[in-house]
Amino acid sequence: MATPRMVLMLSENWTMGPRPDLPELVRWARVAEDAGFDGVMISEHVVLGPDASDQGLMSNPRMYALPGNQEPDTPWPNSLMLLSAISAVTTRLRLVAAAVLAPLRHPLLLARELGTLDLLSGGRLVVQPTVSWSRDEYAALGVPFAERGKILDEQLEIMRLAWQPGPLSFEGRYFSFRDVTLEPRAFHPDGPRLWFGGQRLHGALLRRLVRHGHGFHPLGAPSDEDMRTLGEAFSAAGRDLAELEMVGGTRAVFPDDHSPADLGRAMAAIPAQLEAGFTTFALKPSQYVDHVADLERFCADVIRRAEAMADPH
């Protein structure tokens, strides 16, 4: 069995120290790289409004931030700027910009930002473009919430074009331009590695994975039917599903609303996912430790457990 690739989540860890201490998060990335982690992950929001907490706050503050369960003042630093700082102090670590809310940006500007970071990092950038859930956030930025999926699809086509040699022209419903050039482009000829995910494998997600995807990062475990559908769609498009990076995670179980979860119990969910074809696993340190002083020990423990899964003897 291959050693699972571990990704350290840097978002949503404010129970471990002052919020937000961005230089401290850059240091965490160095700790993760030294320990043997494959990457670090940062998610984003631009702004949050009242609907951030309209489902009721999470019972344990170490839980994942999900639609409607967080305080509107939850810190969400700019993920690309933070990953740029991390790129400058690391050499191997992959930089995972998860949940980049593409419809809130112009696609040419986003292609420029992503391409520059990809070049700076030597091709280590991974991007998960998505649409998110907050109507308040879209209203604040003047973007039609109901059209966010269609906007993203158009943006993906534009970025695919923008990372190729120019000049570039595009005529769409939301964006149009003629004879423009974007240089420099990105480290890879087809741009940064793109992951896509969601709560279910709906039609739009399936299309994005088949046309643009390098990785599948579902929220929760996909069903056997979902995986069959994905495999059939890849085959029909002339792609091999084996080339798609499958991204899983740990399953933190909290003993109460005031305590962290047990790391061993959470990572026990990984071997079955490895058998199912998943290779990469994200986990959030604040779910398992409460103090920054414990981070180095925690990271070393994660990698020790991951390596033991590859060689159980």
Protein backbone atom coordinates (compact mmCIF):
# COMPACT_ATOMS: atom_id res chain seq x y z
CA MET A 1 0.00 0.00 0.00
CA ALA A 2 1.37 3.44 -0.93
CA THR A 3 2.13 5.99 1.75
CA PRO A 4 -0.77 8.47 1.94
CA ARG A 5 0.13 12.03 0.97
CA MET A 6 -0.83 14.31 3.84
CA VAL A 7 -1.97 17.93 3.49
CA LEU A 8 -2.08 20.29 6.48
CA MET A 9 -5.05 22.68 6.54
CA LEU A 10 -3.99 26.17 7.61
CA SER A 11 -7.48 27.72 7.59
CA GLU A 12 -9.87 27.59 10.55
CA ASN A 13 -7.24 26.99 13.24
CA TRP A 14 -8.00 29.97 15.46
CA THR A 15 -8.63 27.81 18.55
CA MET A 16 -4.85 27.18 18.67
CA GLY A 17 -3.71 30.78 19.06
CA PRO A 18 -4.33 34.47 18.30
CA ARG A 19 -6.40 35.17 15.25
CA PRO A 20 -5.21 35.89 12.72
CA ASP A 21 -1.43 35.51 13.06
CA LEU A 22 -0.45 35.19 9.42
CA PRO A 23 3.34 35.02 9.90
CA GLU A 24 2.69 32.15 12.30
CA LEU A 25 0.82 30.28 9.57
CA VAL A 26 3.81 30.72 7.27
CA ARG A 27 5.94 29.13 10.00
CA TRP A 28 3.44 26.26 10.23
CA ALA A 29 4.05 25.56 6.56
CA ARG A 30 7.77 25.21 7.25
CA VAL A 31 6.99 22.82 10.10
CA ALA A 32 4.75 20.77 7.79
CA GLU A 33 7.40 20.58 5.07
CA ASP A 34 10.12 19.57 7.53
CA ALA A 35 7.86 16.85 8.94
CA GLY A 36 7.19 15.35 5.50
CA PHE A 37 3.76 16.70 4.59
CA ASP A 38 2.92 16.80 0.89
CA GLY A 39 1.14 20.15 0.99
CA VAL A 40 -0.68 22.86 2.88
CA MET A 41 -4.25 23.97 2.17
CA ILE A 42 -5.91 27.36 2.55
CA SER A 43 -9.55 28.20 1.80
CA GLU A 44 -11.15 31.61 1.46
CA HIS A 45 -14.04 33.98 1.69
CA VAL A 46 -13.86 37.62 0.63
CA VAL A 47 -16.48 38.84 3.13
CA LEU A 48 -19.11 37.18 5.30
CA GLY A 49 -22.56 38.42 6.21
CA PRO A 50 -25.41 37.33 8.49
CA ASP A 51 -26.03 34.13 6.51
CA ALA A 52 -22.64 32.83 7.71
CA SER A 53 -24.38 31.74 10.93
CA ASP A 54 -27.98 31.25 9.84
CA GLN A 55 -27.84 27.47 10.44
CA GLY A 56 -26.59 27.87 13.99
CA LEU A 57 -22.97 27.95 15.13
CA MET A 58 -20.90 24.77 15.22
CA SER A 59 -21.18 23.09 18.62
CA ASN A 60 -17.43 22.53 18.93
CA PRO A 61 -15.28 25.41 17.54
CA ARG A 62 -12.77 22.84 16.21
CA MET A 63 -15.29 21.51 13.68
CA TYR A 64 -15.09 22.38 9.98
CA ALA A 65 -16.53 25.71 8.87
CA LEU A 66 -19.50 24.78 6.70
CA PRO A 67 -22.35 26.75 5.13
CA GLY A 68 -24.16 28.74 7.80
CA ASN A 69 -22.31 27.44 10.88
CA GLN A 70 -19.68 30.13 11.57
CA GLU A 71 -19.43 33.62 13.02
CA PRO A 72 -19.49 36.39 10.38
CA ASP A 73 -16.16 37.65 11.79
CA THR A 74 -14.38 34.31 11.18
CA PRO A 75 -10.95 35.21 9.73
CA TRP A 76 -10.40 34.23 6.09
CA PRO A 77 -7.07 35.68 4.86
CA ASN A 78 -6.42 36.07 1.15
CA SER A 79 -5.32 32.56 0.26
CA LEU A 80 -3.18 33.42 -2.77
CA MET A 81 -1.19 36.11 -0.94
CA LEU A 82 -0.62 33.81 2.01
CA LEU A 83 0.44 30.94 -0.24
CA SER A 84 2.84 33.29 -2.03
CA ALA A 85 4.56 34.00 1.30
CA ILE A 86 4.67 30.26 1.99
CA SER A 87 6.15 29.61 -1.45
CA ALA A 88 9.05 31.89 -0.61
CA VAL A 89 10.08 29.88 2.47
CA THR A 90 9.46 26.32 1.21
CA THR A 91 10.92 24.25 -1.61
CA ARG A 92 8.84 21.08 -1.95
CA LEU A 93 5.46 21.65 -0.32
CA ARG A 94 2.44 21.81 -2.63
CA LEU A 95 0.36 24.97 -2.23
CA VAL A 96 -3.34 24.07 -2.27
CA ALA A 97 -5.65 27.06 -2.78
CA ALA A 98 -8.88 25.30 -1.89
CA ALA A 99 -12.24 26.94 -2.41
CA VAL A 100 -11.06 29.85 -4.57
CA LEU A 101 -14.30 31.74 -5.23
CA ALA A 102 -13.73 32.34 -8.91
CA PRO A 103 -17.03 34.10 -9.79
CA LEU A 104 -16.06 36.96 -7.48
CA ARG A 105 -13.06 37.80 -9.72
CA HIS A 106 -12.48 38.61 -13.36
CA PRO A 107 -11.09 35.44 -15.00
CA LEU A 108 -8.18 37.20 -16.73
CA LEU A 109 -7.07 38.73 -13.42
CA LEU A 110 -7.48 35.36 -11.71
CA ALA A 111 -5.49 33.63 -14.46
CA ARG A 112 -2.77 36.22 -13.98
CA GLU A 113 -2.67 35.74 -10.20
CA LEU A 114 -2.70 31.95 -10.35
CA GLY A 115 -0.13 31.78 -13.14
CA THR A 116 2.25 34.09 -11.31
CA LEU A 117 2.04 32.06 -8.11
CA ASP A 118 2.47 28.84 -10.07
CA LEU A 119 5.64 30.25 -11.64
CA LEU A 120 6.99 31.57 -8.34
CA SER A 121 6.53 28.17 -6.71
CA GLY A 122 7.96 26.13 -9.56
CA GLY A 123 4.66 24.45 -10.42
CA ARG A 124 3.60 23.63 -6.86
CA LEU A 125 0.23 25.40 -7.01
CA VAL A 126 -3.04 23.44 -6.80
CA VAL A 127 -6.30 25.37 -7.21
CA GLN A 128 -9.87 24.35 -6.38
CA PRO A 129 -12.17 26.83 -8.13
CA THR A 130 -15.66 26.82 -6.67
CA VAL A 131 -18.80 28.93 -6.28
CA SER A 132 -19.53 28.71 -2.51
CA TRP A 133 -22.83 29.16 -0.74
CA SER A 134 -23.14 32.68 0.75
CA ARG A 135 -25.74 34.91 -0.89
CA ASP A 136 -24.61 37.78 1.33
CA GLU A 137 -21.06 37.52 -0.01
CA TYR A 138 -22.22 37.64 -3.63
CA ALA A 139 -24.59 40.54 -2.92
CA ALA A 140 -21.78 42.55 -1.30
CA LEU A 141 -19.61 42.12 -4.39
CA GLY A 142 -22.39 42.70 -6.90
CA VAL A 143 -22.28 39.26 -8.51
CA PRO A 144 -25.56 37.40 -9.27
CA PHE A 145 -25.68 34.45 -6.90
CA ALA A 146 -28.07 32.38 -9.03
CA GLU A 147 -25.70 32.55 -12.01
CA ARG A 148 -22.50 31.68 -10.18
CA GLY A 149 -22.19 28.20 -11.69
CA LYS A 150 -22.59 29.47 -15.25
CA ILE A 151 -20.07 32.23 -14.50
CA LEU A 152 -17.56 29.66 -13.23
CA ASP A 153 -17.95 27.50 -16.33
CA GLU A 154 -17.22 30.49 -18.56
CA GLN A 155 -14.27 31.45 -16.39
CA LEU A 156 -12.76 27.98 -16.62
CA GLU A 157 -12.85 28.16 -20.40
CA ILE A 158 -11.20 31.59 -20.31
CA MET A 159 -8.44 30.48 -17.94
CA ARG A 160 -7.82 27.39 -20.04
CA LEU A 161 -7.36 29.73 -23.00
CA ALA A 162 -5.32 32.28 -21.03
CA TRP A 163 -2.65 29.75 -20.06
CA GLN A 164 -1.97 29.06 -23.74
CA PRO A 165 0.03 31.26 -26.12
CA GLY A 166 -1.83 34.43 -27.18
CA PRO A 167 -3.23 36.63 -28.45
CA LEU A 168 -6.53 35.60 -26.87
CA SER A 169 -10.10 36.37 -27.83
CA PHE A 170 -13.35 35.30 -26.18
CA GLU A 171 -17.00 36.17 -26.64
CA GLY A 172 -19.27 34.97 -23.86
CA ARG A 173 -22.33 35.83 -21.84
CA TYR A 174 -20.40 37.32 -18.92
CA PHE A 175 -16.94 38.14 -20.32
CA SER A 176 -15.72 39.30 -23.71
CA PHE A 177 -12.32 40.47 -24.98
CA ARG A 178 -10.32 40.47 -28.18
CA ASP A 179 -6.65 40.11 -29.05
CA VAL A 180 -5.15 40.34 -25.57
CA THR A 181 -1.98 38.65 -24.36
CA LEU A 182 -1.24 37.30 -20.89
CA GLU A 183 2.48 36.83 -20.24
CA PRO A 184 4.06 35.15 -18.38
CA ARG A 185 1.45 32.42 -18.16
CA ALA A 186 2.05 29.52 -15.72
CA PHE A 187 4.59 26.84 -14.91
CA HIS A 188 2.65 24.07 -16.63
CA PRO A 189 1.57 24.57 -20.27
CA ASP A 190 -2.04 23.94 -19.25
CA GLY A 191 -1.87 26.01 -16.06
CA PRO A 192 -1.91 25.06 -12.36
CA ARG A 193 -3.32 21.70 -11.25
CA LEU A 194 -7.10 22.02 -10.76
CA TRP A 195 -9.17 20.16 -8.17
CA PHE A 196 -12.94 20.18 -8.02
CA GLY A 197 -15.26 19.04 -5.26
CA GLY A 198 -18.65 19.34 -3.68
CA GLN A 199 -21.23 17.66 -1.50
CA ARG A 200 -22.46 15.48 -4.38
CA LEU A 201 -21.40 14.60 -7.92
CA HIS A 202 -23.92 16.79 -9.74
CA GLY A 203 -23.84 17.28 -13.49
CA ALA A 204 -21.86 20.54 -13.48
CA LEU A 205 -19.20 19.09 -11.18
CA LEU A 206 -18.91 16.00 -13.36
CA ARG A 207 -18.42 18.14 -16.48
CA ARG A 208 -15.76 20.27 -14.79
CA LEU A 209 -13.86 17.23 -13.60
CA VAL A 210 -13.86 15.61 -17.02
CA ARG A 211 -12.88 18.74 -18.96
CA HIS A 212 -10.54 20.52 -16.53
CA GLY A 213 -9.86 18.35 -13.49
CA HIS A 214 -6.58 17.01 -12.16
CA GLY A 215 -8.09 16.08 -8.79
CA PHE A 216 -11.40 15.19 -7.12
CA HIS A 217 -11.89 16.56 -3.59
CA PRO A 218 -15.40 15.61 -2.47
CA LEU A 219 -16.97 16.89 0.74
CA GLY A 220 -17.52 13.53 2.40
CA ALA A 221 -17.23 10.12 0.82
CA PRO A 222 -18.54 9.69 -2.75
CA SER A 223 -20.88 6.75 -3.31
CA ASP A 224 -19.99 3.72 -5.41
CA GLU A 225 -22.50 4.98 -7.97
CA ASP A 226 -20.74 8.36 -8.08
CA MET A 227 -17.41 6.66 -8.77
CA ARG A 228 -18.93 4.49 -11.51
CA THR A 229 -20.46 7.57 -13.10
CA LEU A 230 -17.14 9.41 -12.91
CA GLY A 231 -15.25 6.48 -14.43
CA GLU A 232 -17.71 6.14 -17.28
CA ALA A 233 -17.56 9.86 -18.02
CA PHE A 234 -13.76 9.84 -18.08
CA SER A 235 -13.74 6.83 -20.42
CA ALA A 236 -16.24 8.49 -22.75
CA ALA A 237 -13.98 11.55 -22.90
CA GLY A 238 -10.90 9.43 -23.66
CA ARG A 239 -9.38 10.06 -20.24
CA ASP A 240 -8.07 7.54 -17.72
CA LEU A 241 -9.64 7.90 -14.28
CA ALA A 242 -6.33 6.75 -12.79
CA GLU A 243 -4.82 10.12 -13.73
CA LEU A 244 -7.28 11.92 -11.43
CA GLU A 245 -5.88 12.59 -7.94
CA MET A 246 -8.40 11.42 -5.36
CA VAL A 247 -8.45 13.56 -2.22
CA GLY A 248 -9.89 12.19 1.01
CA GLY A 249 -9.68 13.19 4.64
CA THR A 250 -9.82 12.23 8.27
CA ARG A 251 -12.99 11.87 10.31
CA ALA A 252 -12.62 13.72 13.60
CA VAL A 253 -14.95 12.52 16.35
CA PHE A 254 -15.15 14.91 19.29
CA PRO A 255 -15.86 13.46 22.76
CA ASP A 256 -17.73 16.62 23.73
CA ASP A 257 -18.14 20.26 22.69
CA HIS A 258 -15.00 21.39 24.53
CA SER A 259 -12.29 18.87 23.62
CA PRO A 260 -10.20 17.90 20.58
CA ALA A 261 -10.58 14.60 18.75
CA ASP A 262 -8.28 11.59 18.85
CA LEU A 263 -5.83 11.58 15.92
CA GLY A 264 -5.44 7.81 15.76
CA ARG A 265 -9.16 7.25 15.55
CA ALA A 266 -9.48 9.88 12.83
CA MET A 267 -6.65 8.52 10.70
CA ALA A 268 -8.08 5.02 10.99
CA ALA A 269 -10.42 6.11 8.18
CA ILE A 270 -7.50 6.40 5.75
CA PRO A 271 -6.63 2.75 4.88
CA ALA A 272 -10.09 2.03 3.48
CA GLN A 273 -9.85 5.17 1.38
CA LEU A 274 -6.43 4.10 0.10
CA GLU A 275 -7.95 0.79 -0.97
CA ALA A 276 -10.65 2.74 -2.83
CA GLY A 277 -8.05 4.72 -4.80
CA PHE A 278 -7.66 7.85 -2.70
CA THR A 279 -4.06 9.02 -2.36
CA THR A 280 -4.14 12.43 -0.67
CA PHE A 281 -5.63 13.34 2.70
CA ALA A 282 -6.25 16.71 4.32
CA LEU A 283 -6.53 17.28 8.06
CA LYS A 284 -6.94 20.31 10.30
CA PRO A 285 -4.55 20.41 13.27
CA SER A 286 -6.91 22.32 15.57
CA GLN A 287 -9.22 19.32 15.56
CA TYR A 288 -6.55 17.33 17.43
CA VAL A 289 -4.38 19.76 19.43
CA ASP A 290 -5.19 23.00 21.22
CA HIS A 291 -1.79 24.67 21.45
CA VAL A 292 0.69 25.91 18.85
CA ALA A 293 3.49 24.48 20.99
CA ASP A 294 2.18 21.00 20.10
CA LEU A 295 2.26 21.54 16.33
CA GLU A 296 5.70 20.03 15.58
CA ARG A 297 4.94 16.93 17.64
CA PHE A 298 1.53 16.67 15.98
CA CYS A 299 2.94 16.91 12.44
CA ALA A 300 5.60 14.32 13.20
CA ASP A 301 2.93 12.01 14.64
CA VAL A 302 0.75 12.35 11.53
CA ILE A 303 3.62 11.44 9.21
CA ARG A 304 4.71 8.55 11.44
CA ARG A 305 1.18 7.12 11.33
CA ALA A 306 0.91 7.67 7.57
CA GLU A 307 4.20 5.90 6.88
CA ALA A 308 3.15 3.00 9.09
CA MET A 309 0.12 2.48 6.85
CA ALA A 310 2.43 1.81 3.90
CA ASP A 311 4.50 -0.69 5.90
CA PRO A 312 2.33 -2.10 8.68
CA HIS A 313 5.21 -4.31 9.82
